Protein backbone atom coordinates (compact mmCIF):
# COMPACT_ATOMS: atom_id res chain seq x y z
CA MET A 1 2.91 -0.45 -44.46
CA ASN A 2 -0.54 -0.66 -42.92
CA ARG A 3 -3.28 1.45 -44.47
CA TYR A 4 -5.66 3.07 -42.00
CA LYS A 5 -9.23 3.81 -43.03
CA VAL A 6 -10.28 7.38 -42.27
CA ILE A 7 -13.37 9.57 -42.49
CA ILE A 8 -13.86 13.28 -41.81
CA VAL A 9 -16.95 14.79 -40.19
CA ASP A 10 -17.51 18.55 -40.29
CA ASP A 11 -20.55 20.68 -41.12
CA GLU A 12 -18.28 23.28 -42.72
CA GLN A 13 -16.77 22.40 -46.10
CA LEU A 14 -13.66 24.51 -45.47
CA GLY A 15 -12.85 22.38 -42.41
CA ILE A 16 -13.16 19.23 -44.54
CA ASP A 17 -11.04 20.65 -47.38
CA VAL A 18 -8.14 21.52 -45.05
CA LEU A 19 -7.98 18.02 -43.57
CA VAL A 20 -8.34 16.33 -46.96
CA ASN A 21 -5.38 18.35 -48.21
CA TYR A 22 -3.25 17.38 -45.22
CA LEU A 23 -4.18 13.70 -45.32
CA GLU A 24 -3.04 13.41 -48.94
CA ARG A 25 0.53 13.87 -47.68
CA PHE A 26 0.42 10.70 -45.54
CA SER A 27 0.38 7.48 -47.54
CA GLN A 28 -0.60 5.30 -44.58
CA PHE A 29 -4.14 6.71 -44.64
CA GLU A 30 -7.03 5.89 -46.96
CA LEU A 31 -9.73 8.55 -46.86
CA LEU A 32 -13.02 6.75 -47.46
CA GLU A 33 -15.66 9.46 -47.03
CA THR A 34 -16.36 12.95 -45.76
CA PHE A 35 -19.59 13.87 -43.99
CA PRO A 36 -21.19 17.28 -43.34
CA ASN A 37 -23.89 15.51 -41.30
CA PRO A 38 -22.74 13.62 -38.17
CA LEU A 39 -25.80 11.33 -38.21
CA ASP A 40 -24.81 10.07 -41.66
CA ALA A 41 -21.28 9.53 -40.32
CA LEU A 42 -22.62 7.55 -37.37
CA LYS A 43 -24.52 5.20 -39.69
CA TYR A 44 -21.42 4.76 -41.85
CA ILE A 45 -19.18 3.96 -38.88
CA ALA A 46 -21.70 1.39 -37.65
CA SER A 47 -21.51 -0.58 -40.90
CA ASN A 48 -17.82 -0.14 -41.76
CA ASN A 49 -14.47 -0.74 -40.06
CA ILE A 50 -13.05 2.72 -39.53
CA ASP A 51 -9.67 3.22 -37.88
CA LEU A 52 -9.69 6.98 -37.41
CA VAL A 53 -12.28 9.77 -37.50
CA PHE A 54 -11.52 13.48 -37.65
CA THR A 55 -14.60 15.24 -36.32
CA ASP A 56 -15.75 18.74 -35.55
CA ILE A 57 -17.51 19.16 -32.19
CA ALA A 58 -20.18 21.86 -32.54
CA MET A 59 -22.49 20.41 -35.20
CA PRO A 60 -26.27 20.13 -35.69
CA ASP A 61 -28.23 17.03 -34.56
CA ILE A 62 -25.40 15.51 -32.50
CA SER A 63 -22.05 16.90 -31.38
CA GLY A 64 -18.66 15.40 -32.04
CA THR A 65 -18.35 14.24 -28.44
CA GLU A 66 -21.74 12.50 -28.71
CA LEU A 67 -20.51 10.86 -31.90
CA VAL A 68 -17.57 9.42 -29.97
CA GLN A 69 -19.84 8.16 -27.20
CA LEU A 70 -22.14 6.42 -29.69
CA THR A 71 -19.31 4.62 -31.46
CA ASN A 72 -17.54 1.37 -30.55
CA ASN A 73 -14.19 1.87 -28.85
CA LYS A 74 -12.22 0.28 -31.68
CA THR A 75 -12.53 3.49 -33.69
CA LYS A 76 -10.11 6.29 -32.77
CA PHE A 77 -11.07 9.97 -32.90
CA VAL A 78 -9.34 13.29 -33.37
CA MET A 79 -11.42 16.30 -32.33
CA VAL A 80 -11.09 19.34 -34.60
CA THR A 81 -12.83 22.49 -33.37
CA SER A 82 -12.73 26.26 -33.05
CA TYR A 83 -13.51 26.10 -29.33
CA SER A 84 -10.92 25.36 -26.67
CA GLU A 85 -13.50 24.82 -23.89
CA TYR A 86 -14.27 21.29 -25.11
CA ALA A 87 -10.73 20.04 -24.47
CA ILE A 88 -11.26 18.45 -21.04
CA GLU A 89 -14.48 16.74 -22.07
CA SER A 90 -12.81 15.39 -25.21
CA PHE A 91 -9.74 13.93 -23.50
CA GLU A 92 -12.00 12.22 -20.95
CA LEU A 93 -13.28 10.27 -23.96
CA ASP A 94 -9.73 9.05 -24.64
CA VAL A 95 -9.43 10.70 -28.06
CA VAL A 96 -6.12 10.67 -29.94
CA ASP A 97 -5.79 14.44 -30.07
CA TYR A 98 -7.58 17.79 -29.89
CA LEU A 99 -6.91 20.24 -32.71
CA LEU A 100 -7.89 23.90 -32.70
CA LYS A 101 -8.88 25.55 -35.98
CA PRO A 102 -7.24 26.84 -38.04
CA VAL A 103 -5.11 23.69 -38.02
CA SER A 104 -1.54 24.06 -39.23
CA LEU A 105 0.23 21.30 -41.14
CA GLU A 106 2.89 21.15 -38.44
CA ARG A 107 0.31 20.56 -35.71
CA PHE A 108 -1.56 18.05 -37.88
CA THR A 109 1.67 16.12 -38.42
CA LYS A 110 2.14 15.78 -34.67
CA THR A 111 -1.34 14.27 -34.44
CA ILE A 112 -0.48 11.72 -37.12
CA GLU A 113 2.71 10.83 -35.27
CA ARG A 114 0.73 10.37 -32.07
CA PHE A 115 -1.77 8.08 -33.79
CA ASP A 116 0.99 6.03 -35.42
CA LYS A 117 2.71 5.64 -32.06
CA GLN A 118 -0.49 4.43 -30.37
CA CYS A 119 -1.04 1.86 -33.12
CA GLN A 120 2.54 0.65 -32.83
CA GLU A 121 2.22 0.27 -29.06
CA VAL A 122 -0.84 -1.92 -29.52
CA LYS A 123 1.02 -4.15 -31.98
CA THR A 124 4.07 -4.57 -29.76
CA THR A 125 2.17 -5.23 -26.52
CA PRO A 126 2.91 -8.88 -25.70
CA LEU A 127 0.06 -11.28 -25.14
CA VAL A 128 -0.42 -12.01 -21.47
CA PRO A 129 -0.44 -15.79 -21.00
CA ASP A 130 -3.19 -17.44 -19.04
CA PRO A 131 -2.08 -17.76 -15.41
CA SER A 132 -1.03 -21.30 -14.61
CA PHE A 133 1.07 -23.44 -12.32
CA PHE A 134 2.63 -26.91 -12.36
CA ILE A 135 1.65 -29.90 -10.23
CA LYS A 136 4.12 -32.71 -9.64
CA GLU A 137 2.66 -36.18 -10.15
CA GLY A 138 5.27 -38.90 -9.83
CA ASP A 139 8.17 -37.93 -12.07
CA GLU A 140 6.03 -35.61 -14.19
CA TYR A 141 5.03 -31.97 -13.92
CA ILE A 142 1.54 -31.16 -15.21
CA LYS A 143 0.51 -27.65 -16.20
CA VAL A 144 -2.85 -26.50 -14.84
CA LEU A 145 -4.48 -23.33 -16.19
CA VAL A 146 -6.14 -21.25 -13.48
CA HIS A 147 -9.26 -20.63 -15.58
CA ASP A 148 -9.80 -24.42 -15.89
CA ILE A 149 -10.18 -24.89 -12.13
CA ASP A 150 -13.74 -25.57 -10.92
CA TYR A 151 -12.87 -25.89 -7.23
CA ILE A 152 -10.15 -26.99 -4.85
CA GLU A 153 -10.74 -29.32 -1.90
CA GLY A 154 -8.39 -29.49 1.05
CA MET A 155 -7.50 -33.01 2.20
CA LYS A 156 -5.10 -32.65 5.16
CA ASP A 157 -1.62 -32.25 3.66
CA TYR A 158 -2.94 -32.50 0.10
CA SER A 159 -5.27 -30.42 -2.03
CA LYS A 160 -7.51 -31.87 -4.73
CA ILE A 161 -7.72 -29.54 -7.74
CA VAL A 162 -10.82 -30.31 -9.83
CA CYS A 163 -10.93 -29.26 -13.49
CA GLY A 164 -14.05 -30.56 -15.21
CA ASN A 165 -13.86 -34.36 -15.28
CA ASN A 166 -10.20 -34.36 -14.25
CA TYR A 167 -8.53 -33.72 -10.92
CA TYR A 168 -4.99 -33.39 -9.65
CA MET A 169 -3.50 -34.00 -6.21
CA ALA A 170 -1.06 -31.37 -5.01
CA LEU A 171 1.16 -31.82 -1.96
CA LYS A 172 0.24 -28.39 -0.68
CA SER A 173 -2.12 -27.10 1.99
CA LEU A 174 -5.40 -25.44 1.04
CA LYS A 175 -4.29 -22.26 2.83
CA SER A 176 -1.13 -22.06 0.75
CA ILE A 177 -3.06 -22.49 -2.51
CA GLU A 178 -5.66 -19.96 -1.36
CA ASN A 179 -2.96 -17.33 -0.91
CA SER A 180 -1.60 -18.03 -4.39
CA LEU A 181 -5.02 -17.60 -6.02
CA LEU A 182 -6.29 -14.48 -4.24
CA ASP A 183 -5.51 -12.29 -7.23
CA TYR A 184 -7.51 -14.52 -9.59
CA GLY A 185 -10.96 -14.22 -8.01
CA PHE A 186 -10.99 -17.32 -5.80
CA LEU A 187 -12.79 -17.38 -2.44
CA ARG A 188 -12.82 -19.77 0.51
CA ILE A 189 -16.47 -20.78 1.00
CA HIS A 190 -15.88 -23.70 3.39
CA LYS A 191 -13.03 -24.80 5.61
CA SER A 192 -12.26 -27.42 2.97
CA PHE A 193 -13.18 -25.67 -0.30
CA ILE A 194 -12.01 -22.77 -2.48
CA VAL A 195 -13.94 -21.79 -5.61
CA PRO A 196 -13.51 -19.35 -8.52
CA LEU A 197 -16.29 -16.79 -8.08
CA ARG A 198 -16.67 -16.25 -11.83
CA LYS A 199 -17.78 -19.87 -12.30
CA ILE A 200 -20.61 -19.89 -9.76
CA VAL A 201 -23.92 -20.30 -11.59
CA GLN A 202 -26.26 -20.91 -8.64
CA TYR A 203 -26.40 -20.61 -4.86
CA ASN A 204 -29.16 -22.05 -2.67
CA GLY A 205 -27.91 -21.16 0.80
CA ARG A 206 -26.09 -24.39 1.52
CA CYS A 207 -24.01 -24.98 -1.64
CA VAL A 208 -22.92 -23.40 -4.89
CA LEU A 209 -23.22 -24.96 -8.32
CA ILE A 210 -20.15 -24.85 -10.58
CA ASP A 211 -20.61 -26.69 -13.85
CA LYS A 212 -22.08 -29.96 -12.55
CA HIS A 213 -20.33 -29.81 -9.18
CA GLU A 214 -22.16 -28.95 -5.96
CA VAL A 215 -19.72 -27.41 -3.51
CA PRO A 216 -20.83 -26.94 0.13
CA VAL A 217 -20.80 -23.54 1.84
CA GLY A 218 -19.74 -23.37 5.48
CA ASN A 219 -21.73 -21.32 8.00
CA SER A 220 -18.84 -19.01 8.84
CA TYR A 221 -18.24 -18.22 5.14
CA ARG A 222 -21.80 -17.35 4.13
CA ASN A 223 -21.52 -13.62 4.81
CA SER A 224 -18.53 -13.08 2.50
CA LEU A 225 -20.24 -15.10 -0.23
CA LYS A 226 -23.49 -13.20 0.25
CA GLN A 227 -21.58 -9.92 -0.10
CA PHE A 228 -20.25 -11.10 -3.45
CA PHE A 229 -23.79 -11.75 -4.69
CA MET A 230 -25.01 -8.40 -3.37
CA ASP A 231 -22.18 -6.62 -5.19
CA ASN A 232 -23.04 -8.35 -8.46
CA LYS A 233 -26.82 -8.47 -8.49
CA LEU A 234 -28.92 -6.52 -11.00
């Protein structure tokens, strides 16, 4: 069984004592520290790997919702408060649960079940493979990963797919390949060239630079390329 590292943040000792008592009933949790001061908790979270934080909301110095906002998103939070009006704001921060004081053991148990379920869903989510396709060369089929492609050049009935120092010839039109790659951030920048936008490192008005390749930009494609740069400029 996995052990989850937990801390409690509450400026009232009674609130801490209740949660400590409840947590002792669940062996999957290791309570590391309790904090009456949220600033001390923030420093602790920054230097330790914490799986779950139970925090009050209305506290001096910083609130519980501010504590969530100042913490990396790997740490999960349960909000524990006497005030129901913070519920919408809390769930917008994607917290595990929102508990109203006084917290019953039955309600606390449901929160633990919800947290366990979320952790299990993360573990069972399959890894999404890198998008790829196969190119037939002679009697062989060669796998090409989409993220390896630097650019694609149309050559009549064939398309030349350039990946670093290697290239592959596919018996497929540039238009057909363009349609297949639309969902992966590729853009036609010339009647004979398609490029992955994420790999462009420089543009001088007449060509783009991808790795060490200079790929020409056609006059009729400049506006769409310029829009991409406008959308992504600082």
